[in-house]
Amino acid sequence: MKVEHSKNIVSHIVQMDGAVGCHVRQLVNEQDGAPTFAMRQFEVEPGGHTPRHFHPYEHEVYVLEGEGVVYEGDTPRPLAAGDVVFVAPDEVHQFRNTGSSPLKFLCLIPNSATGKNVTVVPECSAEATDT
């Protein structure tokens, strides 16, 4: 069993093309003995965003704090604390912080996603809306 406060887990800058102001904590993963799922906590700074991307595995998201949008392809969907998101395999998506405080969310993925390709796609309407 692992019991640890999330603030004690090192936060890393998301090192992907298209990521701006994103950090991730690997809360639970295979190294902890979790056989099926990994749980990650993302924090996106105001004005920041994840890359616009897709991958061959699902993930589930629970918004902890802040405000933002998740792009489903080119369509923005508002996000706030308490919202739940299911991203299907190969669905183009992006998370953006539209608020004035950090956007924090949990993201669960299958451990089988380890080593699978994540494809970053060019920005479309999402970039055009930035000022």
N, C-alpha and C. Protein backbone atom coordinates (compact mmCIF):
# COMPACT_ATOMS: atom_id res chain seq x y z
N MET A 1 0.85 -1.18 0.00
CA MET A 1 0.00 0.00 0.00
C MET A 1 0.90 1.24 0.00
N LYS A 2 0.47 2.23 -0.75
CA LYS A 2 1.18 3.50 -0.78
C LYS A 2 0.24 4.56 -0.21
N VAL A 3 0.73 5.30 0.76
CA VAL A 3 0.00 6.44 1.30
C VAL A 3 0.99 7.59 1.37
N GLU A 4 0.73 8.64 0.60
CA GLU A 4 1.66 9.77 0.54
C GLU A 4 0.88 11.01 0.12
N HIS A 5 1.23 12.14 0.68
CA HIS A 5 0.58 13.39 0.28
C HIS A 5 1.11 13.78 -1.11
N SER A 6 0.20 14.22 -1.97
CA SER A 6 0.59 14.54 -3.35
C SER A 6 1.67 15.61 -3.42
N LYS A 7 1.68 16.54 -2.47
CA LYS A 7 2.70 17.60 -2.50
C LYS A 7 4.10 17.06 -2.25
N ASN A 8 4.22 15.84 -1.71
CA ASN A 8 5.53 15.24 -1.48
C ASN A 8 6.06 14.52 -2.72
N ILE A 9 5.26 14.42 -3.75
CA ILE A 9 5.67 13.78 -4.99
C ILE A 9 6.18 14.86 -5.95
N VAL A 10 7.35 14.64 -6.49
CA VAL A 10 8.01 15.63 -7.33
C VAL A 10 7.16 15.97 -8.56
N SER A 11 7.05 17.25 -8.83
CA SER A 11 6.35 17.75 -10.01
C SER A 11 7.38 17.99 -11.10
N HIS A 12 7.06 17.54 -12.31
CA HIS A 12 7.95 17.70 -13.45
C HIS A 12 7.28 18.55 -14.52
N ILE A 13 8.07 19.34 -15.22
CA ILE A 13 7.56 20.10 -16.36
C ILE A 13 7.21 19.11 -17.47
N VAL A 14 6.06 19.29 -18.10
CA VAL A 14 5.68 18.45 -19.23
C VAL A 14 6.56 18.84 -20.42
N GLN A 15 7.38 17.90 -20.86
CA GLN A 15 8.35 18.14 -21.93
C GLN A 15 7.82 17.59 -23.25
N MET A 16 6.79 18.21 -23.78
CA MET A 16 6.25 17.81 -25.08
C MET A 16 6.08 19.05 -25.94
N ASP A 17 6.30 18.91 -27.24
CA ASP A 17 6.01 20.01 -28.15
C ASP A 17 4.57 20.45 -27.96
N GLY A 18 4.35 21.75 -27.85
CA GLY A 18 3.01 22.27 -27.71
C GLY A 18 2.54 22.45 -26.28
N ALA A 19 3.29 21.96 -25.30
CA ALA A 19 2.92 22.15 -23.89
C ALA A 19 3.46 23.49 -23.40
N VAL A 20 2.61 24.25 -22.73
CA VAL A 20 3.00 25.55 -22.17
C VAL A 20 2.49 25.62 -20.74
N GLY A 21 3.39 25.83 -19.78
CA GLY A 21 2.99 26.01 -18.39
C GLY A 21 2.34 24.80 -17.76
N CYS A 22 2.78 23.59 -18.13
CA CYS A 22 2.19 22.35 -17.59
C CYS A 22 3.20 21.60 -16.73
N HIS A 23 2.70 21.10 -15.61
CA HIS A 23 3.50 20.26 -14.72
C HIS A 23 2.71 18.99 -14.40
N VAL A 24 3.42 17.91 -14.12
CA VAL A 24 2.75 16.65 -13.81
C VAL A 24 3.44 15.97 -12.63
N ARG A 25 2.63 15.34 -11.79
CA ARG A 25 3.10 14.49 -10.70
C ARG A 25 2.61 13.07 -10.99
N GLN A 26 3.50 12.11 -10.95
CA GLN A 26 3.14 10.70 -11.12
C GLN A 26 2.71 10.18 -9.75
N LEU A 27 1.43 10.23 -9.45
CA LEU A 27 0.93 9.89 -8.11
C LEU A 27 1.01 8.39 -7.84
N VAL A 28 0.53 7.59 -8.76
CA VAL A 28 0.55 6.12 -8.63
C VAL A 28 0.85 5.55 -10.00
N ASN A 29 1.76 4.57 -10.05
CA ASN A 29 2.08 3.93 -11.33
C ASN A 29 2.63 2.53 -11.09
N GLU A 30 3.13 1.91 -12.14
CA GLU A 30 3.65 0.54 -12.04
C GLU A 30 4.77 0.42 -11.01
N GLN A 31 5.58 1.45 -10.87
CA GLN A 31 6.68 1.40 -9.90
C GLN A 31 6.16 1.30 -8.46
N ASP A 32 4.91 1.69 -8.26
CA ASP A 32 4.28 1.58 -6.94
C ASP A 32 3.58 0.23 -6.77
N GLY A 33 3.61 -0.59 -7.81
CA GLY A 33 2.95 -1.88 -7.76
C GLY A 33 1.54 -1.87 -8.32
N ALA A 34 1.10 -0.75 -8.90
CA ALA A 34 -0.24 -0.67 -9.48
C ALA A 34 -0.26 -1.49 -10.77
N PRO A 35 -1.04 -2.57 -10.84
CA PRO A 35 -0.97 -3.46 -11.99
C PRO A 35 -1.71 -2.98 -13.23
N THR A 36 -2.66 -2.07 -13.08
CA THR A 36 -3.53 -1.76 -14.21
C THR A 36 -3.52 -0.29 -14.62
N PHE A 37 -3.60 0.63 -13.64
CA PHE A 37 -3.76 2.05 -13.95
C PHE A 37 -2.66 2.90 -13.33
N ALA A 38 -2.41 4.04 -13.98
CA ALA A 38 -1.54 5.08 -13.44
C ALA A 38 -2.41 6.31 -13.17
N MET A 39 -2.13 6.98 -12.06
CA MET A 39 -2.83 8.22 -11.72
C MET A 39 -1.81 9.35 -11.71
N ARG A 40 -2.13 10.38 -12.48
CA ARG A 40 -1.25 11.54 -12.57
C ARG A 40 -2.03 12.79 -12.19
N GLN A 41 -1.33 13.77 -11.63
CA GLN A 41 -1.96 15.06 -11.33
C GLN A 41 -1.28 16.12 -12.18
N PHE A 42 -2.08 16.80 -13.00
CA PHE A 42 -1.57 17.88 -13.83
C PHE A 42 -1.90 19.22 -13.21
N GLU A 43 -1.01 20.17 -13.38
CA GLU A 43 -1.25 21.55 -12.99
C GLU A 43 -0.86 22.42 -14.17
N VAL A 44 -1.83 23.20 -14.65
CA VAL A 44 -1.62 24.05 -15.82
C VAL A 44 -1.73 25.51 -15.35
N GLU A 45 -0.68 26.27 -15.60
CA GLU A 45 -0.64 27.67 -15.18
C GLU A 45 -1.67 28.49 -15.96
N PRO A 46 -2.10 29.63 -15.41
CA PRO A 46 -3.00 30.51 -16.17
C PRO A 46 -2.40 30.82 -17.55
N GLY A 47 -3.21 30.66 -18.58
CA GLY A 47 -2.75 30.87 -19.95
C GLY A 47 -2.03 29.67 -20.55
N GLY A 48 -1.77 28.64 -19.75
CA GLY A 48 -1.05 27.47 -20.22
C GLY A 48 -1.98 26.44 -20.84
N HIS A 49 -1.35 25.41 -21.45
CA HIS A 49 -2.13 24.34 -22.08
C HIS A 49 -1.28 23.12 -22.32
N THR A 50 -1.96 21.99 -22.44
CA THR A 50 -1.30 20.77 -22.88
C THR A 50 -1.16 20.83 -24.40
N PRO A 51 -0.39 19.93 -24.98
CA PRO A 51 -0.35 19.90 -26.45
C PRO A 51 -1.71 19.47 -27.00
N ARG A 52 -2.00 19.86 -28.22
CA ARG A 52 -3.15 19.32 -28.93
C ARG A 52 -2.66 17.98 -29.47
N HIS A 53 -3.27 16.87 -29.00
CA HIS A 53 -2.69 15.57 -29.28
C HIS A 53 -3.74 14.46 -29.25
N PHE A 54 -3.28 13.26 -29.65
CA PHE A 54 -4.09 12.06 -29.51
C PHE A 54 -3.17 10.87 -29.29
N HIS A 55 -3.74 9.78 -28.80
CA HIS A 55 -2.98 8.57 -28.49
C HIS A 55 -3.92 7.37 -28.52
N PRO A 56 -3.37 6.17 -28.64
CA PRO A 56 -4.20 4.97 -28.83
C PRO A 56 -4.75 4.38 -27.53
N TYR A 57 -4.92 5.17 -26.51
CA TYR A 57 -5.45 4.68 -25.24
C TYR A 57 -6.38 5.72 -24.64
N GLU A 58 -7.31 5.25 -23.83
CA GLU A 58 -8.26 6.14 -23.15
C GLU A 58 -7.59 6.83 -21.97
N HIS A 59 -8.24 7.90 -21.51
CA HIS A 59 -7.95 8.37 -20.17
C HIS A 59 -9.15 9.08 -19.58
N GLU A 60 -9.17 9.06 -18.27
CA GLU A 60 -10.25 9.66 -17.49
C GLU A 60 -9.66 10.82 -16.69
N VAL A 61 -10.42 11.90 -16.61
CA VAL A 61 -9.94 13.12 -15.96
C VAL A 61 -10.97 13.60 -14.95
N TYR A 62 -10.48 14.05 -13.80
CA TYR A 62 -11.32 14.68 -12.79
C TYR A 62 -10.71 16.03 -12.44
N VAL A 63 -11.46 17.10 -12.63
CA VAL A 63 -10.95 18.46 -12.38
C VAL A 63 -11.04 18.76 -10.89
N LEU A 64 -9.90 19.10 -10.31
CA LEU A 64 -9.81 19.41 -8.88
C LEU A 64 -10.03 20.88 -8.57
N GLU A 65 -9.37 21.75 -9.35
CA GLU A 65 -9.40 23.20 -9.10
C GLU A 65 -9.26 23.95 -10.41
N GLY A 66 -9.74 25.18 -10.41
CA GLY A 66 -9.51 26.09 -11.53
C GLY A 66 -10.60 26.02 -12.58
N GLU A 67 -10.32 26.76 -13.67
CA GLU A 67 -11.24 26.86 -14.80
C GLU A 67 -10.46 26.66 -16.09
N GLY A 68 -11.14 26.13 -17.07
CA GLY A 68 -10.48 25.96 -18.34
C GLY A 68 -11.43 25.42 -19.37
N VAL A 69 -10.84 24.92 -20.45
CA VAL A 69 -11.59 24.24 -21.49
C VAL A 69 -10.80 23.00 -21.88
N VAL A 70 -11.55 22.01 -22.34
CA VAL A 70 -10.94 20.87 -23.00
C VAL A 70 -11.43 20.92 -24.42
N TYR A 71 -10.50 20.87 -25.36
CA TYR A 71 -10.87 20.85 -26.77
C TYR A 71 -11.13 19.41 -27.17
N GLU A 72 -12.32 19.18 -27.70
CA GLU A 72 -12.69 17.92 -28.30
C GLU A 72 -12.57 18.15 -29.80
N GLY A 73 -11.40 17.80 -30.35
CA GLY A 73 -11.08 18.22 -31.72
C GLY A 73 -10.90 19.72 -31.72
N ASP A 74 -11.74 20.44 -32.45
CA ASP A 74 -11.67 21.90 -32.48
C ASP A 74 -12.75 22.56 -31.63
N THR A 75 -13.52 21.77 -30.89
CA THR A 75 -14.64 22.30 -30.12
C THR A 75 -14.28 22.45 -28.65
N PRO A 76 -14.30 23.71 -28.12
CA PRO A 76 -13.99 23.90 -26.70
C PRO A 76 -15.19 23.50 -25.82
N ARG A 77 -14.90 22.80 -24.73
CA ARG A 77 -15.90 22.43 -23.74
C ARG A 77 -15.45 22.99 -22.41
N PRO A 78 -16.26 23.80 -21.70
CA PRO A 78 -15.84 24.41 -20.45
C PRO A 78 -15.58 23.38 -19.36
N LEU A 79 -14.60 23.71 -18.50
CA LEU A 79 -14.23 22.85 -17.37
C LEU A 79 -14.19 23.66 -16.09
N ALA A 80 -14.61 23.03 -14.99
CA ALA A 80 -14.50 23.64 -13.66
C ALA A 80 -14.36 22.51 -12.65
N ALA A 81 -13.99 22.86 -11.43
CA ALA A 81 -13.82 21.88 -10.36
C ALA A 81 -15.05 20.98 -10.26
N GLY A 82 -14.80 19.68 -10.17
CA GLY A 82 -15.87 18.71 -10.07
C GLY A 82 -16.26 18.08 -11.38
N ASP A 83 -15.79 18.63 -12.51
CA ASP A 83 -16.13 18.06 -13.81
C ASP A 83 -15.32 16.79 -14.07
N VAL A 84 -15.92 15.89 -14.84
CA VAL A 84 -15.33 14.62 -15.22
C VAL A 84 -15.25 14.57 -16.74
N VAL A 85 -14.14 14.07 -17.27
CA VAL A 85 -13.94 13.97 -18.72
C VAL A 85 -13.49 12.56 -19.05
N PHE A 86 -14.08 11.98 -20.08
CA PHE A 86 -13.59 10.72 -20.64
C PHE A 86 -13.06 11.03 -22.03
N VAL A 87 -11.80 10.71 -22.27
CA VAL A 87 -11.18 10.89 -23.58
C VAL A 87 -10.99 9.49 -24.18
N ALA A 88 -11.67 9.23 -25.27
CA ALA A 88 -11.60 7.93 -25.94
C ALA A 88 -10.27 7.78 -26.67
N PRO A 89 -9.84 6.55 -26.94
CA PRO A 89 -8.62 6.35 -27.72
C PRO A 89 -8.69 7.08 -29.05
N ASP A 90 -7.57 7.69 -29.42
CA ASP A 90 -7.39 8.39 -30.70
C ASP A 90 -8.24 9.64 -30.87
N GLU A 91 -8.83 10.15 -29.80
CA GLU A 91 -9.61 11.38 -29.86
C GLU A 91 -8.66 12.58 -29.68
N VAL A 92 -8.67 13.51 -30.62
CA VAL A 92 -7.83 14.70 -30.53
C VAL A 92 -8.36 15.58 -29.40
N HIS A 93 -7.47 15.99 -28.48
CA HIS A 93 -7.89 16.77 -27.33
C HIS A 93 -6.76 17.67 -26.84
N GLN A 94 -7.15 18.65 -26.03
CA GLN A 94 -6.20 19.59 -25.43
C GLN A 94 -6.88 20.23 -24.23
N PHE A 95 -6.14 20.40 -23.15
CA PHE A 95 -6.63 21.10 -21.96
C PHE A 95 -5.98 22.48 -21.90
N ARG A 96 -6.80 23.52 -21.68
CA ARG A 96 -6.31 24.89 -21.59
C ARG A 96 -6.84 25.55 -20.33
N ASN A 97 -5.97 26.28 -19.66
CA ASN A 97 -6.39 27.06 -18.49
C ASN A 97 -6.86 28.42 -18.98
N THR A 98 -8.12 28.74 -18.72
CA THR A 98 -8.69 30.03 -19.11
C THR A 98 -8.92 30.92 -17.90
N GLY A 99 -8.55 30.45 -16.71
CA GLY A 99 -8.78 31.20 -15.48
C GLY A 99 -7.56 31.95 -15.02
N SER A 100 -7.65 32.50 -13.81
CA SER A 100 -6.56 33.29 -13.24
C SER A 100 -5.79 32.53 -12.15
N SER A 101 -6.16 31.29 -11.91
CA SER A 101 -5.45 30.44 -10.94
C SER A 101 -5.12 29.11 -11.63
N PRO A 102 -4.25 28.30 -11.03
CA PRO A 102 -3.90 27.03 -11.68
C PRO A 102 -5.11 26.14 -11.93
N LEU A 103 -5.08 25.44 -13.05
CA LEU A 103 -6.05 24.41 -13.38
C LEU A 103 -5.40 23.09 -12.97
N LYS A 104 -6.02 22.39 -12.01
CA LYS A 104 -5.47 21.13 -11.53
C LYS A 104 -6.45 20.01 -11.81
N PHE A 105 -5.93 18.90 -12.34
CA PHE A 105 -6.80 17.76 -12.60
C PHE A 105 -6.04 16.46 -12.46
N LEU A 106 -6.79 15.42 -12.09
CA LEU A 106 -6.27 14.07 -12.06
C LEU A 106 -6.51 13.44 -13.42
N CYS A 107 -5.56 12.65 -13.87
CA CYS A 107 -5.67 11.96 -15.14
C CYS A 107 -5.26 10.51 -14.92
N LEU A 108 -6.15 9.60 -15.24
CA LEU A 108 -5.88 8.17 -15.11
C LEU A 108 -5.71 7.56 -16.49
N ILE A 109 -4.66 6.75 -16.64
CA ILE A 109 -4.41 6.06 -17.90
C ILE A 109 -4.06 4.61 -17.60
N PRO A 110 -4.25 3.73 -18.56
CA PRO A 110 -3.84 2.34 -18.34
C PRO A 110 -2.32 2.23 -18.37
N ASN A 111 -1.77 1.37 -17.54
CA ASN A 111 -0.32 1.15 -17.57
C ASN A 111 0.14 0.64 -18.93
N SER A 112 -0.76 0.00 -19.66
CA SER A 112 -0.40 -0.49 -20.99
C SER A 112 -0.07 0.64 -21.95
N ALA A 113 -0.37 1.90 -21.57
CA ALA A 113 -0.04 3.06 -22.41
C ALA A 113 1.45 3.37 -22.40
N THR A 114 2.18 2.85 -21.42
CA THR A 114 3.61 3.11 -21.32
C THR A 114 4.30 2.74 -22.62
N GLY A 115 5.02 3.69 -23.17
CA GLY A 115 5.78 3.46 -24.40
C GLY A 115 4.98 3.62 -25.68
N LYS A 116 3.67 3.86 -25.57
CA LYS A 116 2.87 4.05 -26.78
C LYS A 116 3.02 5.49 -27.28
N ASN A 117 2.89 5.65 -28.58
CA ASN A 117 3.07 6.96 -29.21
C ASN A 117 1.96 7.93 -28.84
N VAL A 118 2.37 9.16 -28.58
CA VAL A 118 1.46 10.30 -28.45
C VAL A 118 1.74 11.18 -29.65
N THR A 119 0.72 11.49 -30.43
CA THR A 119 0.88 12.29 -31.64
C THR A 119 0.41 13.70 -31.37
N VAL A 120 1.33 14.65 -31.48
CA VAL A 120 0.99 16.07 -31.34
C VAL A 120 0.55 16.56 -32.71
N VAL A 121 -0.58 17.25 -32.75
CA VAL A 121 -1.12 17.75 -34.02
C VAL A 121 -1.07 19.28 -34.03
N PRO A 122 -1.02 19.88 -35.22
CA PRO A 122 -0.94 21.33 -35.30
C PRO A 122 -2.14 22.02 -34.66
N GLU A 123 -1.89 23.20 -34.14
CA GLU A 123 -2.97 24.00 -33.57
C GLU A 123 -3.89 24.48 -34.69
N CYS A 124 -5.16 24.53 -34.39
CA CYS A 124 -6.14 25.07 -35.34
C CYS A 124 -6.81 26.26 -34.68
N SER A 125 -8.10 26.16 -34.49
CA SER A 125 -8.86 27.27 -33.91
C SER A 125 -8.43 27.58 -32.50
N ALA A 126 -7.87 26.61 -31.76
CA ALA A 126 -7.46 26.85 -30.38
C ALA A 126 -6.41 27.96 -30.31
N GLU A 127 -5.45 27.94 -31.22
CA GLU A 127 -4.41 28.94 -31.20
C GLU A 127 -4.95 30.31 -31.65
N ALA A 128 -5.87 30.27 -32.56
CA ALA A 128 -6.41 31.51 -33.09
C ALA A 128 -7.19 32.29 -32.04
N THR A 129 -7.65 31.62 -30.97
CA THR A 129 -8.42 32.30 -29.95
C THR A 129 -7.55 32.91 -28.87
N ASP A 130 -6.26 32.59 -28.88
CA ASP A 130 -5.36 33.15 -27.86
C ASP A 130 -5.08 34.62 -28.15
N THR A 131 -4.98 35.42 -27.08
CA THR A 131 -4.61 36.83 -27.23
C THR A 131 -3.43 37.16 -26.37
